[in-house]
Protein backbone atom coordinates (compact mmCIF):
# COMPACT_ATOMS: atom_id res chain seq x y z
CA MET A 1 -1.63 6.73 22.41
CA ARG A 2 -1.58 10.40 21.57
CA ILE A 3 -3.71 12.59 19.35
CA ALA A 4 -1.55 14.51 16.89
CA ARG A 5 -1.74 16.60 13.75
CA VAL A 6 0.47 15.78 10.78
CA ILE A 7 2.34 19.00 10.03
CA GLY A 8 4.83 17.86 7.41
CA GLU A 9 6.82 15.15 5.71
CA THR A 10 10.47 14.20 5.91
CA ILE A 11 12.72 12.21 3.62
CA ALA A 12 15.87 10.45 4.77
CA THR A 13 17.89 8.86 1.98
CA ILE A 14 20.35 7.27 4.41
CA LYS A 15 18.59 5.26 7.13
CA SER A 16 18.45 1.88 8.78
CA ASP A 17 17.56 -0.99 6.45
CA ARG A 18 14.77 -1.90 8.90
CA VAL A 19 12.83 1.32 8.11
CA ARG A 20 13.68 1.53 4.41
CA GLY A 21 10.50 2.08 2.40
CA SER A 22 8.59 3.60 5.33
CA LYS A 23 6.92 6.99 4.97
CA LEU A 24 8.04 9.39 7.72
CA LEU A 25 5.68 12.17 8.78
CA ILE A 26 6.23 15.06 11.16
CA CYS A 27 3.54 15.18 13.85
CA ARG A 28 2.70 17.55 16.65
CA GLN A 29 0.68 16.53 19.70
CA THR A 30 -2.76 18.14 20.12
CA ASP A 31 -5.43 18.36 22.77
CA GLN A 32 -8.76 16.55 22.41
CA THR A 33 -10.11 19.24 20.06
CA GLY A 34 -7.17 19.11 17.68
CA GLU A 35 -5.45 22.28 18.92
CA VAL A 36 -1.67 21.91 18.75
CA ILE A 37 -0.06 21.80 22.22
CA GLY A 38 3.05 19.69 22.13
CA LYS A 39 6.43 19.27 20.53
CA SER A 40 7.05 18.00 17.00
CA TYR A 41 8.21 14.43 16.41
CA VAL A 42 8.63 12.05 13.47
CA ALA A 43 6.42 8.97 13.17
CA VAL A 44 6.38 6.04 10.76
CA ASP A 45 3.10 6.19 8.82
CA LEU A 46 1.29 2.84 8.80
CA VAL A 47 -2.05 4.06 7.41
CA ASP A 48 -1.28 6.47 4.52
CA ALA A 49 -1.99 9.63 6.53
CA GLY A 50 -1.26 13.03 5.04
CA VAL A 51 -0.38 16.57 6.00
CA ASP A 52 -3.10 18.22 8.13
CA ASP A 53 -4.71 14.91 9.16
CA LEU A 54 -5.55 14.37 12.81
CA VAL A 55 -4.10 10.99 13.79
CA LEU A 56 -3.53 8.57 16.66
CA THR A 57 0.09 7.74 17.38
CA GLY A 58 1.72 5.02 19.45
CA HIS A 59 5.06 5.52 21.17
CA GLY A 60 7.98 3.66 22.67
CA SER A 61 7.84 -0.13 22.77
CA SER A 62 4.20 -0.01 21.61
CA ALA A 63 5.40 1.49 18.32
CA ARG A 64 7.37 -1.68 17.69
CA GLN A 65 4.43 -4.05 18.15
CA THR A 66 3.05 -3.81 14.60
CA TYR A 67 3.75 -6.19 11.75
CA GLN A 68 5.59 -3.45 9.82
CA THR A 69 7.71 -2.18 12.73
CA LYS A 70 8.48 -5.34 14.69
CA GLU A 71 12.08 -5.07 15.93
CA CYS A 72 12.63 -1.80 14.03
CA PRO A 73 14.39 1.24 15.51
CA VAL A 74 11.24 3.39 15.72
CA ASP A 75 9.81 5.38 18.60
CA ALA A 76 6.49 6.54 17.10
CA VAL A 77 3.96 5.22 14.59
CA ILE A 78 0.79 6.61 13.08
CA MET A 79 -1.79 3.87 13.54
CA ALA A 80 -5.08 5.63 12.68
CA VAL A 81 -6.50 8.69 10.93
CA ILE A 82 -9.25 10.26 13.05
CA ASP A 83 -12.61 10.85 11.36
CA HIS A 84 -14.23 12.55 14.33
CA LEU A 85 -13.73 13.07 18.06
CA GLU A 86 -16.53 13.07 20.59
CA VAL A 87 -15.81 14.37 24.11
CA ASP A 88 -18.49 14.33 26.83
CA GLY A 89 -21.19 13.70 24.23
CA GLU A 90 -20.15 16.61 22.01
CA VAL A 91 -18.41 16.21 18.65
CA VAL A 92 -15.34 18.46 18.94
CA PHE A 93 -13.71 17.48 15.64
CA ARG A 94 -15.05 16.15 12.36
CA LYS A 95 -12.90 15.50 9.32
CA ILE A 96 -14.26 17.39 6.34
């Protein structure tokens, strides 16, 4: 799993039938405080996340282990929206 920030949305009118109807969001990996550090990638949204949300994403074969993505050609899924992060006993992020 990775912590990421949703930085945008994407629409693909021509895509595999297996992902038709899925919302695709652009994410960017962050550190444990929510500061952006990584590259952008597209993830299938399973939890109705939105732009600027901090989320947990699953990748690779793990992304294809959900009911919605079983045997689908996906490499990343958003599986949770983070409400707050606590690191070493200190809350480093809290959703407003």
